[in-house]
Amino acid sequence: MTDTASIAGIATLKDAELLSLYLSLPPVSREKAFISTAQAAEITGLSIRTIQLWIENGAVRALVIGRKYRIVRESLRAHLEGQTDKWGS
């Protein structure tokens, strides 16, 4: 399985599958597929706490690695696009 194929559809994986994928990816590919709350906050222009609340409410998919969240980049994009659609209509 290529890294690109692994990353496609990542937001639909079950938690155990998502963790398995995370652990199997080389560091460069991990950085493409998963981001920190600080990176997500910087990308969106929002606070880290807002990103954490999105994760806790299930709006954005993330893994807990140690004491930190690793956010599924595709999930963040989908959430932001959903917000755009909500307010754009």
PDB file of N, CA and C in Angstrom:
ATOM      1  N   MET A   1       0.855  -1.182   0.000  1.00  0.00           N
ATOM      2  CA  MET A   1       0.000   0.000   0.000  1.00  0.00           C
ATOM      3  C   MET A   1       0.892   1.232   0.000  1.00  0.00           C
ATOM      4  N   THR A   2       0.644   2.140  -0.948  1.00  0.00           N
ATOM      5  CA  THR A   2       1.450   3.353  -1.013  1.00  0.00           C
ATOM      6  C   THR A   2       0.975   4.353   0.024  1.00  0.00           C
ATOM      7  N   ASP A   3       1.825   5.313   0.318  1.00  0.00           N
ATOM      8  CA  ASP A   3       1.461   6.324   1.305  1.00  0.00           C
ATOM      9  C   ASP A   3       0.244   7.111   0.850  1.00  0.00           C
ATOM     10  N   THR A   4       0.180   7.447  -0.431  1.00  0.00           N
ATOM     11  CA  THR A   4      -0.959   8.206  -0.949  1.00  0.00           C
ATOM     12  C   THR A   4      -2.234   7.402  -0.817  1.00  0.00           C
ATOM     13  N   ALA A   5      -2.180   6.120  -1.152  1.00  0.00           N
ATOM     14  CA  ALA A   5      -3.355   5.266  -1.026  1.00  0.00           C
ATOM     15  C   ALA A   5      -3.752   5.116   0.437  1.00  0.00           C
ATOM     16  N   SER A   6      -2.772   5.078   1.341  1.00  0.00           N
ATOM     17  CA  SER A   6      -3.045   4.952   2.763  1.00  0.00           C
ATOM     18  C   SER A   6      -3.772   6.176   3.297  1.00  0.00           C
ATOM     19  N   ILE A   7      -3.407   7.324   2.798  1.00  0.00           N
ATOM     20  CA  ILE A   7      -3.956   8.579   3.306  1.00  0.00           C
ATOM     21  C   ILE A   7      -5.365   8.830   2.777  1.00  0.00           C
ATOM     22  N   ALA A   8      -5.671   8.367   1.574  1.00  0.00           N
ATOM     23  CA  ALA A   8      -7.004   8.572   0.993  1.00  0.00           C
ATOM     24  C   ALA A   8      -8.049   7.866   1.846  1.00  0.00           C
ATOM     25  N   GLY A   9      -9.110   8.557   2.204  1.00  0.00           N
ATOM     26  CA  GLY A   9     -10.198   7.978   2.989  1.00  0.00           C
ATOM     27  C   GLY A   9      -9.863   7.771   4.451  1.00  0.00           C
ATOM     28  N   ILE A  10      -8.850   8.428   4.931  1.00  0.00           N
ATOM     29  CA  ILE A  10      -8.367   8.231   6.297  1.00  0.00           C
ATOM     30  C   ILE A  10      -9.413   8.591   7.357  1.00  0.00           C
ATOM     31  N   ALA A  11     -10.239   9.587   7.095  1.00  0.00           N
ATOM     32  CA  ALA A  11     -11.208  10.054   8.088  1.00  0.00           C
ATOM     33  C   ALA A  11     -12.303   9.035   8.353  1.00  0.00           C
ATOM     34  N   THR A  12     -12.465   8.050   7.473  1.00  0.00           N
ATOM     35  CA  THR A  12     -13.533   7.056   7.644  1.00  0.00           C
ATOM     36  C   THR A  12     -13.064   5.800   8.376  1.00  0.00           C
ATOM     37  N   LEU A  13     -11.788   5.717   8.710  1.00  0.00           N
ATOM     38  CA  LEU A  13     -11.259   4.540   9.395  1.00  0.00           C
ATOM     39  C   LEU A  13     -11.737   4.471  10.840  1.00  0.00           C
ATOM     40  N   LYS A  14     -11.852   3.251  11.354  1.00  0.00           N
ATOM     41  CA  LYS A  14     -12.150   3.056  12.775  1.00  0.00           C
ATOM     42  C   LYS A  14     -10.922   3.470  13.572  1.00  0.00           C
ATOM     43  N   ASP A  15     -11.098   3.709  14.869  1.00  0.00           N
ATOM     44  CA  ASP A  15     -10.000   4.191  15.710  1.00  0.00           C
ATOM     45  C   ASP A  15      -8.787   3.271  15.672  1.00  0.00           C
ATOM     46  N   ALA A  16      -9.001   1.965  15.800  1.00  0.00           N
ATOM     47  CA  ALA A  16      -7.885   1.016  15.795  1.00  0.00           C
ATOM     48  C   ALA A  16      -7.165   1.029  14.447  1.00  0.00           C
ATOM     49  N   GLU A  17      -7.927   1.145  13.359  1.00  0.00           N
ATOM     50  CA  GLU A  17      -7.331   1.202  12.024  1.00  0.00           C
ATOM     51  C   GLU A  17      -6.551   2.500  11.837  1.00  0.00           C
ATOM     52  N   LEU A  18      -7.094   3.577  12.353  1.00  0.00           N
ATOM     53  CA  LEU A  18      -6.432   4.874  12.247  1.00  0.00           C
ATOM     54  C   LEU A  18      -5.100   4.863  13.001  1.00  0.00           C
ATOM     55  N   LEU A  19      -5.103   4.291  14.200  1.00  0.00           N
ATOM     56  CA  LEU A  19      -3.868   4.192  14.972  1.00  0.00           C
ATOM     57  C   LEU A  19      -2.853   3.304  14.258  1.00  0.00           C
ATOM     58  N   SER A  20      -3.309   2.201  13.722  1.00  0.00           N
ATOM     59  CA  SER A  20      -2.421   1.300  12.984  1.00  0.00           C
ATOM     60  C   SER A  20      -1.796   2.011  11.789  1.00  0.00           C
ATOM     61  N   LEU A  21      -2.609   2.776  11.058  1.00  0.00           N
ATOM     62  CA  LEU A  21      -2.095   3.535   9.924  1.00  0.00           C
ATOM     63  C   LEU A  21      -1.067   4.563  10.393  1.00  0.00           C
ATOM     64  N   TYR A  22      -1.390   5.292  11.435  1.00  0.00           N
ATOM     65  CA  TYR A  22      -0.483   6.312  11.973  1.00  0.00           C
ATOM     66  C   TYR A  22       0.880   5.700  12.295  1.00  0.00           C
ATOM     67  N   LEU A  23       0.862   4.568  12.981  1.00  0.00           N
ATOM     68  CA  LEU A  23       2.108   3.930  13.390  1.00  0.00           C
ATOM     69  C   LEU A  23       2.881   3.342  12.217  1.00  0.00           C
ATOM     70  N   SER A  24       2.179   2.975  11.141  1.00  0.00           N
ATOM     71  CA  SER A  24       2.849   2.356  10.000  1.00  0.00           C
ATOM     72  C   SER A  24       3.439   3.369   9.016  1.00  0.00           C
ATOM     73  N   LEU A  25       2.969   4.614   9.077  1.00  0.00           N
ATOM     74  CA  LEU A  25       3.461   5.627   8.133  1.00  0.00           C
ATOM     75  C   LEU A  25       4.849   6.119   8.511  1.00  0.00           C
ATOM     76  N   PRO A  26       5.688   6.356   7.510  1.00  0.00           N
ATOM     77  CA  PRO A  26       6.972   7.000   7.800  1.00  0.00           C
ATOM     78  C   PRO A  26       6.717   8.449   8.259  1.00  0.00           C
ATOM     79  N   PRO A  27       7.628   9.024   9.024  1.00  0.00           N
ATOM     80  CA  PRO A  27       7.419  10.372   9.575  1.00  0.00           C
ATOM     81  C   PRO A  27       6.990  11.429   8.557  1.00  0.00           C
ATOM     82  N   VAL A  28       7.548  11.410   7.368  1.00  0.00           N
ATOM     83  CA  VAL A  28       7.183  12.416   6.358  1.00  0.00           C
ATOM     84  C   VAL A  28       5.708  12.281   5.972  1.00  0.00           C
ATOM     85  N   SER A  29       5.244  11.064   5.799  1.00  0.00           N
ATOM     86  CA  SER A  29       3.845  10.831   5.436  1.00  0.00           C
ATOM     87  C   SER A  29       2.913  11.151   6.596  1.00  0.00           C
ATOM     88  N   ARG A  30       3.363  10.860   7.818  1.00  0.00           N
ATOM     89  CA  ARG A  30       2.563  11.214   9.002  1.00  0.00           C
ATOM     90  C   ARG A  30       2.300  12.708   9.044  1.00  0.00           C
ATOM     91  N   GLU A  31       3.324  13.483   8.743  1.00  0.00           N
ATOM     92  CA  GLU A  31       3.190  14.939   8.783  1.00  0.00           C
ATOM     93  C   GLU A  31       2.232  15.453   7.718  1.00  0.00           C
ATOM     94  N   LYS A  32       2.058  14.714   6.627  1.00  0.00           N
ATOM     95  CA  LYS A  32       1.106  15.093   5.586  1.00  0.00           C
ATOM     96  C   LYS A  32      -0.323  14.749   5.987  1.00  0.00           C
ATOM     97  N   ALA A  33      -0.498  13.671   6.733  1.00  0.00           N
ATOM     98  CA  ALA A  33      -1.831  13.180   7.065  1.00  0.00           C
ATOM     99  C   ALA A  33      -2.352  13.668   8.418  1.00  0.00           C
ATOM    100  N   PHE A  34      -1.453  13.964   9.350  1.00  0.00           N
ATOM    101  CA  PHE A  34      -1.836  14.340  10.709  1.00  0.00           C
ATOM    102  C   PHE A  34      -1.145  15.638  11.102  1.00  0.00           C
ATOM    103  N   ILE A  35      -1.871  16.488  11.825  1.00  0.00           N
ATOM    104  CA  ILE A  35      -1.291  17.747  12.300  1.00  0.00           C
ATOM    105  C   ILE A  35      -1.602  17.924  13.780  1.00  0.00           C
ATOM    106  N   SER A  36      -0.864  18.788  14.430  1.00  0.00           N
ATOM    107  CA  SER A  36      -1.077  19.080  15.855  1.00  0.00           C
ATOM    108  C   SER A  36      -2.199  20.107  16.011  1.00  0.00           C
ATOM    109  N   THR A  37      -2.665  20.260  17.238  1.00  0.00           N
ATOM    110  CA  THR A  37      -3.681  21.281  17.508  1.00  0.00           C
ATOM    111  C   THR A  37      -3.121  22.676  17.239  1.00  0.00           C
ATOM    112  N   ALA A  38      -1.854  22.881  17.543  1.00  0.00           N
ATOM    113  CA  ALA A  38      -1.231  24.186  17.282  1.00  0.00           C
ATOM    114  C   ALA A  38      -1.198  24.482  15.787  1.00  0.00           C
ATOM    115  N   GLN A  39      -0.858  23.472  14.978  1.00  0.00           N
ATOM    116  CA  GLN A  39      -0.851  23.665  13.525  1.00  0.00           C
ATOM    117  C   GLN A  39      -2.264  23.948  13.011  1.00  0.00           C
ATOM    118  N   ALA A  40      -3.246  23.206  13.520  1.00  0.00           N
ATOM    119  CA  ALA A  40      -4.632  23.411  13.099  1.00  0.00           C
ATOM    120  C   ALA A  40      -5.114  24.810  13.479  1.00  0.00           C
ATOM    121  N   ALA A  41      -4.731  25.264  14.670  1.00  0.00           N
ATOM    122  CA  ALA A  41      -5.100  26.610  15.114  1.00  0.00           C
ATOM    123  C   ALA A  41      -4.472  27.663  14.210  1.00  0.00           C
ATOM    124  N   GLU A  42      -3.224  27.448  13.842  1.00  0.00           N
ATOM    125  CA  GLU A  42      -2.540  28.396  12.964  1.00  0.00           C
ATOM    126  C   GLU A  42      -3.186  28.423  11.576  1.00  0.00           C
ATOM    127  N   ILE A  43      -3.493  27.256  11.044  1.00  0.00           N
ATOM    128  CA  ILE A  43      -4.117  27.161   9.719  1.00  0.00           C
ATOM    129  C   ILE A  43      -5.464  27.870   9.691  1.00  0.00           C
ATOM    130  N   THR A  44      -6.263  27.667  10.735  1.00  0.00           N
ATOM    131  CA  THR A  44      -7.623  28.205  10.764  1.00  0.00           C
ATOM    132  C   THR A  44      -7.712  29.619  11.321  1.00  0.00           C
ATOM    133  N   GLY A  45      -6.682  30.050  12.036  1.00  0.00           N
ATOM    134  CA  GLY A  45      -6.725  31.366  12.673  1.00  0.00           C
ATOM    135  C   GLY A  45      -7.566  31.362  13.944  1.00  0.00           C
ATOM    136  N   LEU A  46      -7.780  30.184  14.502  1.00  0.00           N
ATOM    137  CA  LEU A  46      -8.567  30.039  15.722  1.00  0.00           C
ATOM    138  C   LEU A  46      -7.661  29.645  16.877  1.00  0.00           C
ATOM    139  N   SER A  47      -8.223  29.553  18.069  1.00  0.00           N
ATOM    140  CA  SER A  47      -7.421  29.178  19.233  1.00  0.00           C
ATOM    141  C   SER A  47      -7.249  27.664  19.307  1.00  0.00           C
ATOM    142  N   ILE A  48      -6.223  27.260  20.021  1.00  0.00           N
ATOM    143  CA  ILE A  48      -5.988  25.835  20.241  1.00  0.00           C
ATOM    144  C   ILE A  48      -7.180  25.233  20.983  1.00  0.00           C
ATOM    145  N   ARG A  49      -7.747  25.971  21.918  1.00  0.00           N
ATOM    146  CA  ARG A  49      -8.902  25.457  22.679  1.00  0.00           C
ATOM    147  C   ARG A  49     -10.093  25.201  21.767  1.00  0.00           C
ATOM    148  N   THR A  50     -10.321  26.046  20.779  1.00  0.00           N
ATOM    149  CA  THR A  50     -11.421  25.815  19.830  1.00  0.00           C
ATOM    150  C   THR A  50     -11.189  24.511  19.077  1.00  0.00           C
ATOM    151  N   ILE A  51      -9.973  24.276  18.654  1.00  0.00           N
ATOM    152  CA  ILE A  51      -9.640  23.033  17.954  1.00  0.00           C
ATOM    153  C   ILE A  51      -9.874  21.846  18.880  1.00  0.00           C
ATOM    154  N   GLN A  52      -9.456  21.963  20.136  1.00  0.00           N
ATOM    155  CA  GLN A  52      -9.670  20.892  21.110  1.00  0.00           C
ATOM    156  C   GLN A  52     -11.161  20.617  21.309  1.00  0.00           C
ATOM    157  N   LEU A  53     -11.960  21.659  21.348  1.00  0.00           N
ATOM    158  CA  LEU A  53     -13.404  21.483  21.497  1.00  0.00           C
ATOM    159  C   LEU A  53     -14.002  20.780  20.280  1.00  0.00           C
ATOM    160  N   TRP A  54     -13.539  21.116  19.092  1.00  0.00           N
ATOM    161  CA  TRP A  54     -13.998  20.426  17.886  1.00  0.00           C
ATOM    162  C   TRP A  54     -13.688  18.943  17.973  1.00  0.00           C
ATOM    163  N   ILE A  55     -12.505  18.609  18.469  1.00  0.00           N
ATOM    164  CA  ILE A  55     -12.122  17.202  18.622  1.00  0.00           C
ATOM    165  C   ILE A  55     -13.024  16.529  19.659  1.00  0.00           C
ATOM    166  N   GLU A  56     -13.178  17.163  20.810  1.00  0.00           N
ATOM    167  CA  GLU A  56     -13.978  16.598  21.897  1.00  0.00           C
ATOM    168  C   GLU A  56     -15.444  16.432  21.513  1.00  0.00           C
ATOM    169  N   ASN A  57     -15.952  17.306  20.644  1.00  0.00           N
ATOM    170  CA  ASN A  57     -17.348  17.215  20.184  1.00  0.00           C
ATOM    171  C   ASN A  57     -17.520  16.281  19.003  1.00  0.00           C
ATOM    172  N   GLY A  58     -16.411  15.755  18.468  1.00  0.00           N
ATOM    173  CA  GLY A  58     -16.487  14.826  17.353  1.00  0.00           C
ATOM    174  C   GLY A  58     -16.572  15.483  15.991  1.00  0.00           C
ATOM    175  N   ALA A  59     -16.406  16.784  15.921  1.00  0.00           N
ATOM    176  CA  ALA A  59     -16.470  17.491  14.639  1.00  0.00           C
ATOM    177  C   ALA A  59     -15.213  17.242  13.812  1.00  0.00           C
ATOM    178  N   VAL A  60     -14.105  16.987  14.499  1.00  0.00           N
ATOM    179  CA  VAL A  60     -12.813  16.749  13.843  1.00  0.00           C
ATOM    180  C   VAL A  60     -12.228  15.464  14.424  1.00  0.00           C
ATOM    181  N   ARG A  61     -11.734  14.598  13.564  1.00  0.00           N
ATOM    182  CA  ARG A  61     -11.133  13.323  13.980  1.00  0.00           C
ATOM    183  C   ARG A  61      -9.697  13.520  14.430  1.00  0.00           C
ATOM    184  N   ALA A  62      -9.320  12.868  15.517  1.00  0.00           N
ATOM    185  CA  ALA A  62      -7.948  12.950  16.003  1.00  0.00           C
ATOM    186  C   ALA A  62      -7.612  11.712  16.824  1.00  0.00           C
ATOM    187  N   LEU A  63      -6.340  11.443  16.897  1.00  0.00           N
ATOM    188  CA  LEU A  63      -5.804  10.392  17.765  1.00  0.00           C
ATOM    189  C   LEU A  63      -5.154  11.048  18.966  1.00  0.00           C
ATOM    190  N   VAL A  64      -5.166  10.360  20.082  1.00  0.00           N
ATOM    191  CA  VAL A  64      -4.403  10.818  21.236  1.00  0.00           C
ATOM    192  C   VAL A  64      -3.111  10.011  21.225  1.00  0.00           C
ATOM    193  N   ILE A  65      -2.009  10.708  21.069  1.00  0.00           N
ATOM    194  CA  ILE A  65      -0.687  10.093  21.084  1.00  0.00           C
ATOM    195  C   ILE A  65       0.046  10.706  22.266  1.00  0.00           C
ATOM    196  N   GLY A  66       0.282   9.888  23.265  1.00  0.00           N
ATOM    197  CA  GLY A  66       0.850  10.418  24.504  1.00  0.00           C
ATOM    198  C   GLY A  66      -0.183  11.315  25.165  1.00  0.00           C
ATOM    199  N   ARG A  67       0.164  12.561  25.325  1.00  0.00           N
ATOM    200  CA  ARG A  67      -0.767  13.536  25.903  1.00  0.00           C
ATOM    201  C   ARG A  67      -1.185  14.582  24.880  1.00  0.00           C
ATOM    202  N   LYS A  68      -0.969  14.288  23.611  1.00  0.00           N
ATOM    203  CA  LYS A  68      -1.252  15.260  22.546  1.00  0.00           C
ATOM    204  C   LYS A  68      -2.199  14.670  21.518  1.00  0.00           C
ATOM    205  N   TYR A  69      -2.967  15.544  20.899  1.00  0.00           N
ATOM    206  CA  TYR A  69      -3.822  15.144  19.782  1.00  0.00           C
ATOM    207  C   TYR A  69      -3.029  15.202  18.490  1.00  0.00           C
ATOM    208  N   ARG A  70      -3.292  14.255  17.609  1.00  0.00           N
ATOM    209  CA  ARG A  70      -2.810  14.302  16.229  1.00  0.00           C
ATOM    210  C   ARG A  70      -4.073  14.301  15.372  1.00  0.00           C
ATOM    211  N   ILE A  71      -4.356  15.408  14.730  1.00  0.00           N
ATOM    212  CA  ILE A  71      -5.588  15.624  13.980  1.00  0.00           C
ATOM    213  C   ILE A  71      -5.451  15.085  12.569  1.00  0.00           C
ATOM    214  N   VAL A  72      -6.506  14.424  12.111  1.00  0.00           N
ATOM    215  CA  VAL A  72      -6.556  13.958  10.733  1.00  0.00           C
ATOM    216  C   VAL A  72      -6.804  15.195   9.865  1.00  0.00           C
ATOM    217  N   ARG A  73      -5.816  15.550   9.071  1.00  0.00           N
ATOM    218  CA  ARG A  73      -5.888  16.767   8.249  1.00  0.00           C
ATOM    219  C   ARG A  73      -7.142  16.766   7.368  1.00  0.00           C
ATOM    220  N   GLU A  74      -7.461  15.620   6.781  1.00  0.00           N
ATOM    221  CA  GLU A  74      -8.639  15.492   5.915  1.00  0.00           C
ATOM    222  C   GLU A  74      -9.928  15.794   6.683  1.00  0.00           C
ATOM    223  N   SER A  75      -9.979  15.395   7.939  1.00  0.00           N
ATOM    224  CA  SER A  75     -11.143  15.648   8.778  1.00  0.00           C
ATOM    225  C   SER A  75     -11.302  17.143   9.064  1.00  0.00           C
ATOM    226  N   LEU A  76     -10.198  17.823   9.328  1.00  0.00           N
ATOM    227  CA  LEU A  76     -10.245  19.273   9.557  1.00  0.00           C
ATOM    228  C   LEU A  76     -10.742  19.982   8.308  1.00  0.00           C
ATOM    229  N   ARG A  77     -10.226  19.573   7.159  1.00  0.00           N
ATOM    230  CA  ARG A  77     -10.663  20.178   5.892  1.00  0.00           C
ATOM    231  C   ARG A  77     -12.166  19.965   5.681  1.00  0.00           C
ATOM    232  N   ALA A  78     -12.642  18.746   5.924  1.00  0.00           N
ATOM    233  CA  ALA A  78     -14.062  18.434   5.738  1.00  0.00           C
ATOM    234  C   ALA A  78     -14.932  19.273   6.683  1.00  0.00           C
ATOM    235  N   HIS A  79     -14.475  19.430   7.924  1.00  0.00           N
ATOM    236  CA  HIS A  79     -15.237  20.238   8.884  1.00  0.00           C
ATOM    237  C   HIS A  79     -15.317  21.700   8.439  1.00  0.00           C
ATOM    238  N   LEU A  80     -14.197  22.243   7.994  1.00  0.00           N
ATOM    239  CA  LEU A  80     -14.182  23.637   7.535  1.00  0.00           C
ATOM    240  C   LEU A  80     -15.040  23.816   6.291  1.00  0.00           C
ATOM    241  N   GLU A  81     -14.994  22.871   5.373  1.00  0.00           N
ATOM    242  CA  GLU A  81     -15.838  22.944   4.186  1.00  0.00           C
ATOM    243  C   GLU A  81     -17.309  22.856   4.552  1.00  0.00           C
ATOM    244  N   GLY A  82     -17.644  22.028   5.557  1.00  0.00           N
ATOM    245  CA  GLY A  82     -19.020  21.941   6.037  1.00  0.00           C
ATOM    246  C   GLY A  82     -19.491  23.261   6.625  1.00  0.00           C
ATOM    247  N   GLN A  83     -18.604  23.937   7.326  1.00  0.00           N
ATOM    248  CA  GLN A  83     -18.940  25.238   7.894  1.00  0.00           C
ATOM    249  C   GLN A  83     -19.157  26.273   6.798  1.00  0.00           C
ATOM    250  N   THR A  84     -18.340  26.193   5.751  1.00  0.00           N
ATOM    251  CA  THR A  84     -18.484  27.109   4.619  1.00  0.00           C
ATOM    252  C   THR A  84     -19.824  26.888   3.941  1.00  0.00           C
ATOM    253  N   ASP A  85     -20.179  25.619   3.740  1.00  0.00           N
ATOM    254  CA  ASP A  85     -21.459  25.287   3.104  1.00  0.00           C
ATOM    255  C   ASP A  85     -22.623  25.771   3.973  1.00  0.00           C
ATOM    256  N   LYS A  86     -22.499  25.598   5.288  1.00  0.00           N
ATOM    257  CA  LYS A  86     -23.551  25.990   6.228  1.00  0.00           C
ATOM    258  C   LYS A  86     -23.826  27.493   6.156  1.00  0.00           C
ATOM    259  N   TRP A  87     -22.754  28.279   6.149  1.00  0.00           N
ATOM    260  CA  TRP A  87     -22.913  29.730   6.174  1.00  0.00           C
ATOM    261  C   TRP A  87     -23.008  30.344   4.787  1.00  0.00           C
ATOM    262  N   GLY A  88     -22.583  29.588   3.779  1.00  0.00           N
ATOM    263  CA  GLY A  88     -22.619  30.101   2.420  1.00  0.00           C
ATOM    264  C   GLY A  88     -23.978  29.962   1.748  1.00  0.00           C
ATOM    265  N   SER A  89     -24.830  29.091   2.301  1.00  0.00           N
ATOM    266  CA  SER A  89     -26.150  28.856   1.674  1.00  0.00           C
ATOM    267  C   SER A  89     -27.145  29.902   2.059  1.00  0.00           C
TER     268      SER A  89
END
